[in-house]
Amino acid sequence: MIDLTNKIALVTGASRGIGRAVALKLASLGAKVIVNYNKNAAAADEVVAQIMQAGGEAFAVQGDVSNFEAASQVVKSATEKFGRLDILVNNAGTTRDNLLALMKEADFDFVIQNDLKSVFNCSKAALRQMMKQRYGRIVNMTSVAGIVGNAGQTNYSAAKAGIIGFTKAMAKEYGSKNILVNAVAPGYIPTDLTNVLPQEIKDGITKFTALGRMGTVDEVANAVAFLASDAASYISGQILAVDGGMT
């Protein structure tokens, strides 16, 4: 049984999709959760309300974590509220898909900034507190696109591949401080980001899975919860694909 009682967890991009499911899962296991969001305050407040109605503790913090100063303030809000930070889930991200020949430079830069730079921003901001307490669990959200690539997503695939390299390097730097850094690589999980895909593309993706179906946000959240817990105390620098056997 995974027990996160009294652990302090910050989940970025937690107002919807996978981030929302992760926040709810960690809270259900006993963690006190900081629900980070950028624009949708109402959705973040709904996540907080659901956690509190179930007897948990949570609060929402606005901040565009692709901005270094904003990310630092988000982390500062968490540590000032609870005095420590045990778990950081770097989930915030977005897509701006197009074939490379048609992709605008601004769209490439935007995805790199939001998906990869945000991981650097929040991880760096959390480091001092985690080193001080000699305890930390960082789980980065990458993607199977970062492992095998995905046509029409050179920007997204590059950002998610960057997260994999970042995860492995940071794990080696801070393992001696009892800070474990891992990543989860979801396959096709229905969310607001993926629901816009044409049905034929969705069907094509599921054919490549061993299970022959899409995953769920809860299945991804379960993997994050495991890596964030002491049940994974000898696991660091690893990429856990939650993809139904796609890769």
C-alpha atoms as a PDB file:
ATOM      1  CA  MET A   1       0.000   0.000   0.000  1.00  0.00           C
ATOM      2  CA  ILE A   2       1.392   3.386  -1.007  1.00  0.00           C
ATOM      3  CA  ASP A   3       1.275   5.828   1.893  1.00  0.00           C
ATOM      4  CA  LEU A   4       1.927   9.532   1.312  1.00  0.00           C
ATOM      5  CA  THR A   5       0.544  10.720   4.637  1.00  0.00           C
ATOM      6  CA  ASN A   6       1.708  14.268   5.418  1.00  0.00           C
ATOM      7  CA  LYS A   7       3.920  14.435   2.338  1.00  0.00           C
ATOM      8  CA  ILE A   8       3.839  17.814   0.629  1.00  0.00           C
ATOM      9  CA  ALA A   9       3.316  17.577  -3.119  1.00  0.00           C
ATOM     10  CA  LEU A  10       3.337  20.217  -5.835  1.00  0.00           C
ATOM     11  CA  VAL A  11       1.728  19.269  -9.147  1.00  0.00           C
ATOM     12  CA  THR A  12       2.144  21.704 -12.040  1.00  0.00           C
ATOM     13  CA  GLY A  13      -0.592  22.031 -14.632  1.00  0.00           C
ATOM     14  CA  ALA A  14      -2.977  20.345 -12.219  1.00  0.00           C
ATOM     15  CA  SER A  15      -6.269  21.950 -13.190  1.00  0.00           C
ATOM     16  CA  ARG A  16      -7.114  19.388 -15.871  1.00  0.00           C
ATOM     17  CA  GLY A  17      -6.197  16.124 -17.559  1.00  0.00           C
ATOM     18  CA  ILE A  18      -3.327  14.063 -16.232  1.00  0.00           C
ATOM     19  CA  GLY A  19      -2.257  16.754 -13.765  1.00  0.00           C
ATOM     20  CA  ARG A  20      -5.710  16.823 -12.212  1.00  0.00           C
ATOM     21  CA  ALA A  21      -5.759  13.024 -11.887  1.00  0.00           C
ATOM     22  CA  VAL A  22      -2.292  13.065 -10.293  1.00  0.00           C
ATOM     23  CA  ALA A  23      -3.300  15.735  -7.763  1.00  0.00           C
ATOM     24  CA  LEU A  24      -6.402  13.773  -6.776  1.00  0.00           C
ATOM     25  CA  LYS A  25      -4.459  10.504  -6.528  1.00  0.00           C
ATOM     26  CA  LEU A  26      -1.682  11.903  -4.361  1.00  0.00           C
ATOM     27  CA  ALA A  27      -4.246  13.518  -2.076  1.00  0.00           C
ATOM     28  CA  SER A  28      -6.166  10.244  -1.778  1.00  0.00           C
ATOM     29  CA  LEU A  29      -2.960   8.636  -0.512  1.00  0.00           C
ATOM     30  CA  GLY A  30      -2.509  11.256   2.201  1.00  0.00           C
ATOM     31  CA  ALA A  31      -0.415  13.977   0.571  1.00  0.00           C
ATOM     32  CA  LYS A  32      -1.110  17.675   1.023  1.00  0.00           C
ATOM     33  CA  VAL A  33      -1.286  19.003  -2.520  1.00  0.00           C
ATOM     34  CA  ILE A  34      -0.454  22.343  -4.099  1.00  0.00           C
ATOM     35  CA  VAL A  35      -2.531  22.574  -7.282  1.00  0.00           C
ATOM     36  CA  ASN A  36      -0.675  24.758  -9.762  1.00  0.00           C
ATOM     37  CA  TYR A  37      -2.488  26.281 -12.705  1.00  0.00           C
ATOM     38  CA  ASN A  38      -1.823  29.002 -15.252  1.00  0.00           C
ATOM     39  CA  LYS A  39      -5.162  30.330 -16.539  1.00  0.00           C
ATOM     40  CA  ASN A  40      -8.124  28.228 -15.400  1.00  0.00           C
ATOM     41  CA  ALA A  41      -8.676  29.248 -11.772  1.00  0.00           C
ATOM     42  CA  ALA A  42     -12.167  27.758 -11.657  1.00  0.00           C
ATOM     43  CA  ALA A  43     -10.915  24.321 -12.700  1.00  0.00           C
ATOM     44  CA  ALA A  44      -8.077  24.463 -10.159  1.00  0.00           C
ATOM     45  CA  ASP A  45     -10.490  25.488  -7.415  1.00  0.00           C
ATOM     46  CA  GLU A  46     -12.691  22.530  -8.332  1.00  0.00           C
ATOM     47  CA  VAL A  47      -9.750  20.162  -7.876  1.00  0.00           C
ATOM     48  CA  VAL A  48      -8.993  21.715  -4.478  1.00  0.00           C
ATOM     49  CA  ALA A  49     -12.648  21.461  -3.459  1.00  0.00           C
ATOM     50  CA  GLN A  50     -12.819  17.792  -4.440  1.00  0.00           C
ATOM     51  CA  ILE A  51      -9.707  17.028  -2.377  1.00  0.00           C
ATOM     52  CA  MET A  52     -11.011  18.872   0.653  1.00  0.00           C
ATOM     53  CA  GLN A  53     -14.453  17.271   0.410  1.00  0.00           C
ATOM     54  CA  ALA A  54     -12.705  13.905   0.634  1.00  0.00           C
ATOM     55  CA  GLY A  55     -10.955  15.026   3.827  1.00  0.00           C
ATOM     56  CA  GLY A  56      -7.648  16.052   2.272  1.00  0.00           C
ATOM     57  CA  GLU A  57      -5.728  19.303   2.282  1.00  0.00           C
ATOM     58  CA  ALA A  58      -4.927  21.359  -0.809  1.00  0.00           C
ATOM     59  CA  PHE A  59      -4.686  24.864  -2.151  1.00  0.00           C
ATOM     60  CA  ALA A  60      -4.324  26.365  -5.613  1.00  0.00           C
ATOM     61  CA  VAL A  61      -1.419  28.527  -6.764  1.00  0.00           C
ATOM     62  CA  GLN A  62      -1.460  30.437 -10.031  1.00  0.00           C
ATOM     63  CA  GLY A  63       1.755  30.688 -12.005  1.00  0.00           C
ATOM     64  CA  ASP A  64       3.086  30.214 -15.522  1.00  0.00           C
ATOM     65  CA  VAL A  65       5.885  27.797 -14.699  1.00  0.00           C
ATOM     66  CA  SER A  66       7.455  28.254 -18.127  1.00  0.00           C
ATOM     67  CA  ASN A  67       8.649  31.550 -16.647  1.00  0.00           C
ATOM     68  CA  PHE A  68      11.557  31.111 -14.229  1.00  0.00           C
ATOM     69  CA  GLU A  69      10.493  33.795 -11.752  1.00  0.00           C
ATOM     70  CA  ALA A  70       6.889  32.609 -11.737  1.00  0.00           C
ATOM     71  CA  ALA A  71       7.975  29.015 -11.182  1.00  0.00           C
ATOM     72  CA  SER A  72      10.177  30.105  -8.280  1.00  0.00           C
ATOM     73  CA  GLN A  73       7.210  31.893  -6.710  1.00  0.00           C
ATOM     74  CA  VAL A  74       5.005  28.824  -7.086  1.00  0.00           C
ATOM     75  CA  VAL A  75       7.565  26.669  -5.284  1.00  0.00           C
ATOM     76  CA  LYS A  76       8.068  29.376  -2.662  1.00  0.00           C
ATOM     77  CA  SER A  77       4.327  29.438  -1.978  1.00  0.00           C
ATOM     78  CA  ALA A  78       4.402  25.707  -1.295  1.00  0.00           C
ATOM     79  CA  THR A  79       7.381  25.796   1.057  1.00  0.00           C
ATOM     80  CA  GLU A  80       6.101  28.859   2.927  1.00  0.00           C
ATOM     81  CA  LYS A  81       2.712  27.208   3.470  1.00  0.00           C
ATOM     82  CA  PHE A  82       3.965  23.845   4.695  1.00  0.00           C
ATOM     83  CA  GLY A  83       7.626  24.371   5.575  1.00  0.00           C
ATOM     84  CA  ARG A  84       8.865  21.669   3.223  1.00  0.00           C
ATOM     85  CA  LEU A  85       8.358  20.115  -0.210  1.00  0.00           C
ATOM     86  CA  ASP A  86       8.600  16.359  -0.594  1.00  0.00           C
ATOM     87  CA  ILE A  87       7.185  15.701  -4.050  1.00  0.00           C
ATOM     88  CA  LEU A  88       7.353  17.702  -7.276  1.00  0.00           C
ATOM     89  CA  VAL A  89       5.414  16.503 -10.303  1.00  0.00           C
ATOM     90  CA  ASN A  90       6.429  18.451 -13.415  1.00  0.00           C
ATOM     91  CA  ASN A  91       3.331  17.962 -15.505  1.00  0.00           C
ATOM     92  CA  ALA A  92       2.636  21.342 -17.144  1.00  0.00           C
ATOM     93  CA  GLY A  93       2.911  21.299 -20.915  1.00  0.00           C
ATOM     94  CA  THR A  94       1.201  21.887 -24.226  1.00  0.00           C
ATOM     95  CA  THR A  95       1.309  21.088 -27.942  1.00  0.00           C
ATOM     96  CA  ARG A  96       1.412  23.100 -31.178  1.00  0.00           C
ATOM     97  CA  ASP A  97       1.492  20.410 -33.834  1.00  0.00           C
ATOM     98  CA  ASN A  98       2.489  20.747 -37.460  1.00  0.00           C
ATOM     99  CA  LEU A  99       4.785  19.173 -40.014  1.00  0.00           C
ATOM    100  CA  LEU A 100       8.291  20.589 -39.722  1.00  0.00           C
ATOM    101  CA  ALA A 101       8.153  22.306 -43.127  1.00  0.00           C
ATOM    102  CA  LEU A 102       5.051  24.185 -42.009  1.00  0.00           C
ATOM    103  CA  MET A 103       5.942  24.755 -38.366  1.00  0.00           C
ATOM    104  CA  LYS A 104       6.464  28.331 -37.269  1.00  0.00           C
ATOM    105  CA  GLU A 105       9.568  29.127 -35.248  1.00  0.00           C
ATOM    106  CA  ALA A 106       7.341  30.642 -32.580  1.00  0.00           C
ATOM    107  CA  ASP A 107       5.453  27.357 -32.220  1.00  0.00           C
ATOM    108  CA  PHE A 108       8.680  25.398 -31.812  1.00  0.00           C
ATOM    109  CA  ASP A 109       9.964  27.826 -29.192  1.00  0.00           C
ATOM    110  CA  PHE A 110       6.619  27.913 -27.365  1.00  0.00           C
ATOM    111  CA  VAL A 111       6.500  24.144 -26.856  1.00  0.00           C
ATOM    112  CA  ILE A 112      10.154  23.927 -25.794  1.00  0.00           C
ATOM    113  CA  GLN A 113       9.545  26.737 -23.280  1.00  0.00           C
ATOM    114  CA  ASN A 114       6.344  25.281 -21.850  1.00  0.00           C
ATOM    115  CA  ASP A 115       7.226  21.585 -21.864  1.00  0.00           C
ATOM    116  CA  LEU A 116      10.992  21.478 -21.252  1.00  0.00           C
ATOM    117  CA  LYS A 117      12.029  24.799 -19.732  1.00  0.00           C
ATOM    118  CA  SER A 118       9.261  24.510 -17.142  1.00  0.00           C
ATOM    119  CA  VAL A 119      10.857  21.285 -15.862  1.00  0.00           C
ATOM    120  CA  PHE A 120      14.175  23.094 -15.403  1.00  0.00           C
ATOM    121  CA  ASN A 121      12.467  26.054 -13.738  1.00  0.00           C
ATOM    122  CA  CYS A 122      10.525  24.098 -11.135  1.00  0.00           C
ATOM    123  CA  SER A 123      13.225  21.500 -10.449  1.00  0.00           C
ATOM    124  CA  LYS A 124      15.844  24.167  -9.835  1.00  0.00           C
ATOM    125  CA  ALA A 125      13.476  26.102  -7.598  1.00  0.00           C
ATOM    126  CA  ALA A 126      12.679  22.999  -5.532  1.00  0.00           C
ATOM    127  CA  LEU A 127      16.285  21.850  -5.174  1.00  0.00           C
ATOM    128  CA  ARG A 128      17.362  24.019  -2.254  1.00  0.00           C
ATOM    129  CA  GLN A 129      14.498  22.891  -0.030  1.00  0.00           C
ATOM    130  CA  MET A 130      14.878  19.241  -0.991  1.00  0.00           C
ATOM    131  CA  MET A 131      18.638  19.355  -0.371  1.00  0.00           C
ATOM    132  CA  LYS A 132      18.066  21.042   2.984  1.00  0.00           C
ATOM    133  CA  GLN A 133      15.679  18.321   4.116  1.00  0.00           C
ATOM    134  CA  ARG A 134      17.731  15.605   2.364  1.00  0.00           C
ATOM    135  CA  TYR A 135      14.604  14.193   0.814  1.00  0.00           C
ATOM    136  CA  GLY A 136      12.851  14.699  -2.485  1.00  0.00           C
ATOM    137  CA  ARG A 137      10.880  12.891  -5.141  1.00  0.00           C
ATOM    138  CA  ILE A 138      10.647  14.496  -8.573  1.00  0.00           C
ATOM    139  CA  VAL A 139       8.492  12.934 -11.264  1.00  0.00           C
ATOM    140  CA  ASN A 140       8.657  14.484 -14.729  1.00  0.00           C
ATOM    141  CA  MET A 141       5.943  13.976 -17.312  1.00  0.00           C
ATOM    142  CA  THR A 142       7.494  13.016 -20.632  1.00  0.00           C
ATOM    143  CA  SER A 143       5.802  11.072 -23.449  1.00  0.00           C
ATOM    144  CA  VAL A 144       6.280   8.116 -25.749  1.00  0.00           C
ATOM    145  CA  ALA A 145       6.772  10.834 -28.388  1.00  0.00           C
ATOM    146  CA  GLY A 146      10.058  11.590 -26.657  1.00  0.00           C
ATOM    147  CA  ILE A 147      11.085   7.939 -26.963  1.00  0.00           C
ATOM    148  CA  VAL A 148      10.021   7.005 -30.490  1.00  0.00           C
ATOM    149  CA  GLY A 149       9.136  10.388 -32.035  1.00  0.00           C
ATOM    150  CA  ASN A 150       5.832  11.344 -33.567  1.00  0.00           C
ATOM    151  CA  ALA A 151       5.234  12.783 -37.028  1.00  0.00           C
ATOM    152  CA  GLY A 152       3.826  16.283 -36.859  1.00  0.00           C
ATOM    153  CA  GLN A 153       5.313  16.833 -33.417  1.00  0.00           C
ATOM    154  CA  THR A 154       9.001  17.617 -33.865  1.00  0.00           C
ATOM    155  CA  ASN A 155       8.715  20.368 -31.244  1.00  0.00           C
ATOM    156  CA  TYR A 156       6.821  18.215 -28.740  1.00  0.00           C
ATOM    157  CA  SER A 157       8.993  15.144 -29.363  1.00  0.00           C
ATOM    158  CA  ALA A 158      12.157  17.228 -28.906  1.00  0.00           C
ATOM    159  CA  ALA A 159      10.878  18.731 -25.660  1.00  0.00           C
ATOM    160  CA  LYS A 160       9.830  15.370 -24.257  1.00  0.00           C
ATOM    161  CA  ALA A 161      13.115  13.739 -25.289  1.00  0.00           C
ATOM    162  CA  GLY A 162      14.877  16.604 -23.542  1.00  0.00           C
ATOM    163  CA  ILE A 163      12.958  15.799 -20.368  1.00  0.00           C
ATOM    164  CA  ILE A 164      14.285  12.234 -20.531  1.00  0.00           C
ATOM    165  CA  GLY A 165      17.882  13.433 -20.698  1.00  0.00           C
ATOM    166  CA  PHE A 166      17.226  16.014 -17.983  1.00  0.00           C
ATOM    167  CA  THR A 167      15.727  13.341 -15.724  1.00  0.00           C
ATOM    168  CA  LYS A 168      18.684  10.983 -16.080  1.00  0.00           C
ATOM    169  CA  ALA A 169      21.266  13.734 -15.517  1.00  0.00           C
ATOM    170  CA  MET A 170      19.533  15.240 -12.491  1.00  0.00           C
ATOM    171  CA  ALA A 171      19.107  11.794 -10.953  1.00  0.00           C
ATOM    172  CA  LYS A 172      22.877  11.290 -11.099  1.00  0.00           C
ATOM    173  CA  GLU A 173      23.592  14.721  -9.646  1.00  0.00           C
ATOM    174  CA  TYR A 174      21.367  14.467  -6.578  1.00  0.00           C
ATOM    175  CA  GLY A 175      20.944  10.805  -5.705  1.00  0.00           C
ATOM    176  CA  SER A 176      23.473  11.216  -2.885  1.00  0.00           C
ATOM    177  CA  LYS A 177      21.143  13.819  -1.354  1.00  0.00           C
ATOM    178  CA  ASN A 178      18.252  11.333  -1.328  1.00  0.00           C
ATOM    179  CA  ILE A 179      16.539  13.191  -4.157  1.00  0.00           C
ATOM    180  CA  LEU A 180      15.146  10.697  -6.642  1.00  0.00           C
ATOM    181  CA  VAL A 181      14.242  11.843 -10.147  1.00  0.00           C
ATOM    182  CA  ASN A 182      12.178   9.752 -12.524  1.00  0.00           C
ATOM    183  CA  ALA A 183       9.815  10.275 -15.436  1.00  0.00           C
ATOM    184  CA  VAL A 184       6.555   8.817 -16.650  1.00  0.00           C
ATOM    185  CA  ALA A 185       5.972   8.500 -20.404  1.00  0.00           C
ATOM    186  CA  PRO A 186       2.264   8.206 -21.175  1.00  0.00           C
ATOM    187  CA  GLY A 187       1.097   6.728 -24.439  1.00  0.00           C
ATOM    188  CA  TYR A 188      -2.244   7.692 -25.902  1.00  0.00           C
ATOM    189  CA  ILE A 189      -4.308   9.047 -23.006  1.00  0.00           C
ATOM    190  CA  PRO A 190      -7.544  10.897 -23.826  1.00  0.00           C
ATOM    191  CA  THR A 191      -7.228  14.492 -22.540  1.00  0.00           C
ATOM    192  CA  ASP A 192      -8.090  17.954 -23.825  1.00  0.00           C
ATOM    193  CA  LEU A 193      -4.805  17.916 -25.747  1.00  0.00           C
ATOM    194  CA  THR A 194      -5.532  14.652 -27.549  1.00  0.00           C
ATOM    195  CA  ASN A 195      -9.307  14.889 -27.993  1.00  0.00           C
ATOM    196  CA  VAL A 196      -8.816  17.206 -30.970  1.00  0.00           C
ATOM    197  CA  LEU A 197      -7.201  14.418 -33.008  1.00  0.00           C
ATOM    198  CA  PRO A 198      -9.285  12.910 -35.823  1.00  0.00           C
ATOM    199  CA  GLN A 199     -10.885   9.562 -34.958  1.00  0.00           C
ATOM    200  CA  GLU A 200      -8.872   7.703 -37.621  1.00  0.00           C
ATOM    201  CA  ILE A 201      -5.638   8.849 -35.975  1.00  0.00           C
ATOM    202  CA  LYS A 202      -6.895   7.719 -32.557  1.00  0.00           C
ATOM    203  CA  ASP A 203      -7.812   4.315 -33.991  1.00  0.00           C
ATOM    204  CA  GLY A 204      -4.422   4.046 -35.657  1.00  0.00           C
ATOM    205  CA  ILE A 205      -2.609   4.776 -32.414  1.00  0.00           C
ATOM    206  CA  THR A 206      -4.493   2.155 -30.419  1.00  0.00           C
ATOM    207  CA  LYS A 207      -3.589  -0.496 -33.001  1.00  0.00           C
ATOM    208  CA  PHE A 208       0.056  -0.060 -32.000  1.00  0.00           C
ATOM    209  CA  THR A 209      -0.606  -0.911 -28.352  1.00  0.00           C
ATOM    210  CA  ALA A 210      -0.304  -4.442 -27.043  1.00  0.00           C
ATOM    211  CA  LEU A 211      -3.528  -3.963 -25.080  1.00  0.00           C
ATOM    212  CA  GLY A 212      -5.469  -2.601 -28.051  1.00  0.00           C
ATOM    213  CA  ARG A 213      -6.971   0.289 -26.131  1.00  0.00           C
ATOM    214  CA  MET A 214      -6.316   3.806 -24.914  1.00  0.00           C
ATOM    215  CA  GLY A 215      -5.082   4.428 -21.412  1.00  0.00           C
ATOM    216  CA  THR A 216      -6.695   6.551 -18.721  1.00  0.00           C
ATOM    217  CA  VAL A 217      -5.457   9.507 -16.710  1.00  0.00           C
ATOM    218  CA  ASP A 218      -5.906   7.418 -13.564  1.00  0.00           C
ATOM    219  CA  GLU A 219      -3.539   4.745 -14.886  1.00  0.00           C
ATOM    220  CA  VAL A 220      -0.891   7.418 -15.411  1.00  0.00           C
ATOM    221  CA  ALA A 221      -1.578   8.859 -11.960  1.00  0.00           C
ATOM    222  CA  ASN A 222      -1.021   5.439 -10.384  1.00  0.00           C
ATOM    223  CA  ALA A 223       2.455   5.271 -11.908  1.00  0.00           C
ATOM    224  CA  VAL A 224       3.290   8.784 -10.716  1.00  0.00           C
ATOM    225  CA  ALA A 225       2.120   7.950  -7.195  1.00  0.00           C
ATOM    226  CA  PHE A 226       4.368   4.885  -7.094  1.00  0.00           C
ATOM    227  CA  LEU A 227       7.461   6.798  -8.201  1.00  0.00           C
ATOM    228  CA  ALA A 228       6.646   9.595  -5.731  1.00  0.00           C
ATOM    229  CA  SER A 229       6.436   7.168  -2.837  1.00  0.00           C
ATOM    230  CA  ASP A 230       8.958   5.393  -0.640  1.00  0.00           C
ATOM    231  CA  ALA A 231       7.931   2.157  -2.351  1.00  0.00           C
ATOM    232  CA  ALA A 232      10.244   3.368  -5.141  1.00  0.00           C
ATOM    233  CA  SER A 233      13.120   4.253  -2.798  1.00  0.00           C
ATOM    234  CA  TYR A 234      15.781   2.527  -4.947  1.00  0.00           C
ATOM    235  CA  ILE A 235      14.553   3.780  -8.305  1.00  0.00           C
ATOM    236  CA  SER A 236      16.028   6.882  -9.909  1.00  0.00           C
ATOM    237  CA  GLY A 237      16.827   8.072 -13.416  1.00  0.00           C
ATOM    238  CA  GLN A 238      14.207   5.780 -14.916  1.00  0.00           C
ATOM    239  CA  ILE A 239      11.560   6.357 -17.578  1.00  0.00           C
ATOM    240  CA  LEU A 240       8.356   4.409 -16.949  1.00  0.00           C
ATOM    241  CA  ALA A 241       6.241   4.069 -20.085  1.00  0.00           C
ATOM    242  CA  VAL A 242       2.534   3.895 -19.355  1.00  0.00           C
ATOM    243  CA  ASP A 243       1.522   3.127 -22.906  1.00  0.00           C
ATOM    244  CA  GLY A 244      -0.243  -0.223 -23.035  1.00  0.00           C
ATOM    245  CA  GLY A 245       2.790  -1.829 -24.615  1.00  0.00           C
ATOM    246  CA  MET A 246       3.125   0.694 -27.462  1.00  0.00           C
ATOM    247  CA  THR A 247       6.898   0.979 -27.093  1.00  0.00           C
END
